[in-house]
Amino acid sequence: MLGIKKGTYDLQRFFYDYFFKCFWKDSWGYDYSNLVNIDWYHPKYCWRHSKDEIQSWCAEFNLNIKYIKELESGYACYVVKTSSIT
């Protein structure tokens, strides 16, 4: 009825992805966590990129992709610079 995929979820991720995007991280504290929330709802510049674009940039700049993960909010990736020493 709500369009939530069946599965197991971390409680914060479940509420964040499906009900209320309100981020919190203890180590960042109150002010910085709130800035992250403000940025989510009122960004001056906001756009998304495709998986193909990310892969193309990584190839162009000699970056090794460790992972690309599709999330509800877009893509998250982890890349490292490939050594050019021969």
C-alpha atoms as a PDB file:
ATOM      1  CA  MET A   1       0.000   0.000   0.000  1.00  0.00           C
ATOM      2  CA  LEU A   2       2.854   2.429   0.787  1.00  0.00           C
ATOM      3  CA  GLY A   3       5.185   1.148  -1.929  1.00  0.00           C
ATOM      4  CA  ILE A   4       7.854  -0.003   0.512  1.00  0.00           C
ATOM      5  CA  LYS A   5       9.948  -2.889  -0.763  1.00  0.00           C
ATOM      6  CA  LYS A   6       9.881  -6.011   1.412  1.00  0.00           C
ATOM      7  CA  GLY A   7      13.120  -6.564   3.287  1.00  0.00           C
ATOM      8  CA  THR A   8      15.215  -5.840   6.357  1.00  0.00           C
ATOM      9  CA  TYR A   9      16.100  -2.216   7.141  1.00  0.00           C
ATOM     10  CA  ASP A  10      18.202  -0.264   9.587  1.00  0.00           C
ATOM     11  CA  LEU A  11      15.608   1.734  11.582  1.00  0.00           C
ATOM     12  CA  GLN A  12      17.044   5.165  10.741  1.00  0.00           C
ATOM     13  CA  ARG A  13      17.414   4.255   7.056  1.00  0.00           C
ATOM     14  CA  PHE A  14      13.815   2.940   6.970  1.00  0.00           C
ATOM     15  CA  PHE A  15      12.357   6.187   8.333  1.00  0.00           C
ATOM     16  CA  TYR A  16      14.775   8.342   6.325  1.00  0.00           C
ATOM     17  CA  ASP A  17      14.065   6.641   2.985  1.00  0.00           C
ATOM     18  CA  TYR A  18      10.306   6.216   3.299  1.00  0.00           C
ATOM     19  CA  PHE A  19       8.870   8.729   5.773  1.00  0.00           C
ATOM     20  CA  PHE A  20      10.971  11.662   6.905  1.00  0.00           C
ATOM     21  CA  LYS A  21      14.344  12.742   5.568  1.00  0.00           C
ATOM     22  CA  CYS A  22      15.921  13.975   8.756  1.00  0.00           C
ATOM     23  CA  PHE A  23      19.598  13.094   9.098  1.00  0.00           C
ATOM     24  CA  TRP A  24      21.448  12.755  12.403  1.00  0.00           C
ATOM     25  CA  LYS A  25      24.971  11.648  13.282  1.00  0.00           C
ATOM     26  CA  ASP A  26      26.104  11.787  16.924  1.00  0.00           C
ATOM     27  CA  SER A  27      29.727  12.571  16.103  1.00  0.00           C
ATOM     28  CA  TRP A  28      28.667  15.606  14.015  1.00  0.00           C
ATOM     29  CA  GLY A  29      26.470  17.071  16.740  1.00  0.00           C
ATOM     30  CA  TYR A  30      23.339  19.193  16.575  1.00  0.00           C
ATOM     31  CA  ASP A  31      24.452  22.118  14.400  1.00  0.00           C
ATOM     32  CA  TYR A  32      26.214  20.203  11.636  1.00  0.00           C
ATOM     33  CA  SER A  33      23.502  17.529  11.457  1.00  0.00           C
ATOM     34  CA  ASN A  34      20.930  20.307  11.044  1.00  0.00           C
ATOM     35  CA  LEU A  35      22.988  21.883   8.244  1.00  0.00           C
ATOM     36  CA  VAL A  36      22.857  18.571   6.405  1.00  0.00           C
ATOM     37  CA  ASN A  37      19.059  18.562   6.757  1.00  0.00           C
ATOM     38  CA  ILE A  38      18.780  22.154   5.546  1.00  0.00           C
ATOM     39  CA  ASP A  39      20.934  21.299   2.534  1.00  0.00           C
ATOM     40  CA  TRP A  40      18.605  18.407   1.704  1.00  0.00           C
ATOM     41  CA  TYR A  41      15.461  20.559   1.666  1.00  0.00           C
ATOM     42  CA  HIS A  42      16.811  23.906   0.429  1.00  0.00           C
ATOM     43  CA  PRO A  43      19.830  23.361  -1.814  1.00  0.00           C
ATOM     44  CA  LYS A  44      20.793  26.258  -4.047  1.00  0.00           C
ATOM     45  CA  TYR A  45      22.155  23.849  -6.646  1.00  0.00           C
ATOM     46  CA  CYS A  46      20.869  20.295  -6.956  1.00  0.00           C
ATOM     47  CA  TRP A  47      21.192  17.691  -9.690  1.00  0.00           C
ATOM     48  CA  ARG A  48      21.650  13.967 -10.143  1.00  0.00           C
ATOM     49  CA  HIS A  49      24.014  12.033 -12.383  1.00  0.00           C
ATOM     50  CA  SER A  50      23.609   8.639 -14.017  1.00  0.00           C
ATOM     51  CA  LYS A  51      25.692   5.560 -13.318  1.00  0.00           C
ATOM     52  CA  ASP A  52      27.071   5.810 -16.878  1.00  0.00           C
ATOM     53  CA  GLU A  53      28.244   9.391 -16.242  1.00  0.00           C
ATOM     54  CA  ILE A  54      30.034   8.363 -13.055  1.00  0.00           C
ATOM     55  CA  GLN A  55      31.737   5.442 -14.790  1.00  0.00           C
ATOM     56  CA  SER A  56      32.761   7.686 -17.694  1.00  0.00           C
ATOM     57  CA  TRP A  57      34.352  10.265 -15.365  1.00  0.00           C
ATOM     58  CA  CYS A  58      36.219   7.551 -13.502  1.00  0.00           C
ATOM     59  CA  ALA A  59      37.634   6.193 -16.757  1.00  0.00           C
ATOM     60  CA  GLU A  60      38.572   9.701 -17.940  1.00  0.00           C
ATOM     61  CA  PHE A  61      40.403  10.573 -14.720  1.00  0.00           C
ATOM     62  CA  ASN A  62      42.003   7.151 -14.149  1.00  0.00           C
ATOM     63  CA  LEU A  63      39.945   6.366 -11.034  1.00  0.00           C
ATOM     64  CA  ASN A  64      39.379   2.808  -9.828  1.00  0.00           C
ATOM     65  CA  ILE A  65      35.752   2.197  -8.844  1.00  0.00           C
ATOM     66  CA  LYS A  66      35.457   0.263  -5.562  1.00  0.00           C
ATOM     67  CA  TYR A  67      31.659   0.427  -5.646  1.00  0.00           C
ATOM     68  CA  ILE A  68      28.722   2.321  -7.106  1.00  0.00           C
ATOM     69  CA  LYS A  69      25.526   1.878  -5.135  1.00  0.00           C
ATOM     70  CA  GLU A  70      22.083   3.092  -6.193  1.00  0.00           C
ATOM     71  CA  LEU A  71      20.144   4.671  -3.325  1.00  0.00           C
ATOM     72  CA  GLU A  72      16.711   6.279  -3.141  1.00  0.00           C
ATOM     73  CA  SER A  73      18.422   9.682  -3.288  1.00  0.00           C
ATOM     74  CA  GLY A  74      20.773   8.885  -6.188  1.00  0.00           C
ATOM     75  CA  TYR A  75      24.126   7.145  -6.456  1.00  0.00           C
ATOM     76  CA  ALA A  76      26.848   6.762  -3.859  1.00  0.00           C
ATOM     77  CA  CYS A  77      30.290   5.696  -4.965  1.00  0.00           C
ATOM     78  CA  TYR A  78      33.749   5.043  -3.641  1.00  0.00           C
ATOM     79  CA  VAL A  79      36.653   5.502  -6.033  1.00  0.00           C
ATOM     80  CA  VAL A  80      40.434   5.719  -5.652  1.00  0.00           C
ATOM     81  CA  LYS A  81      43.123   7.222  -7.842  1.00  0.00           C
ATOM     82  CA  THR A  82      44.956   4.538  -9.780  1.00  0.00           C
ATOM     83  CA  SER A  83      48.717   4.808  -9.513  1.00  0.00           C
ATOM     84  CA  SER A  84      50.310   6.015 -12.736  1.00  0.00           C
ATOM     85  CA  ILE A  85      53.820   4.922 -11.715  1.00  0.00           C
ATOM     86  CA  THR A  86      55.173   2.206 -14.001  1.00  0.00           C
END
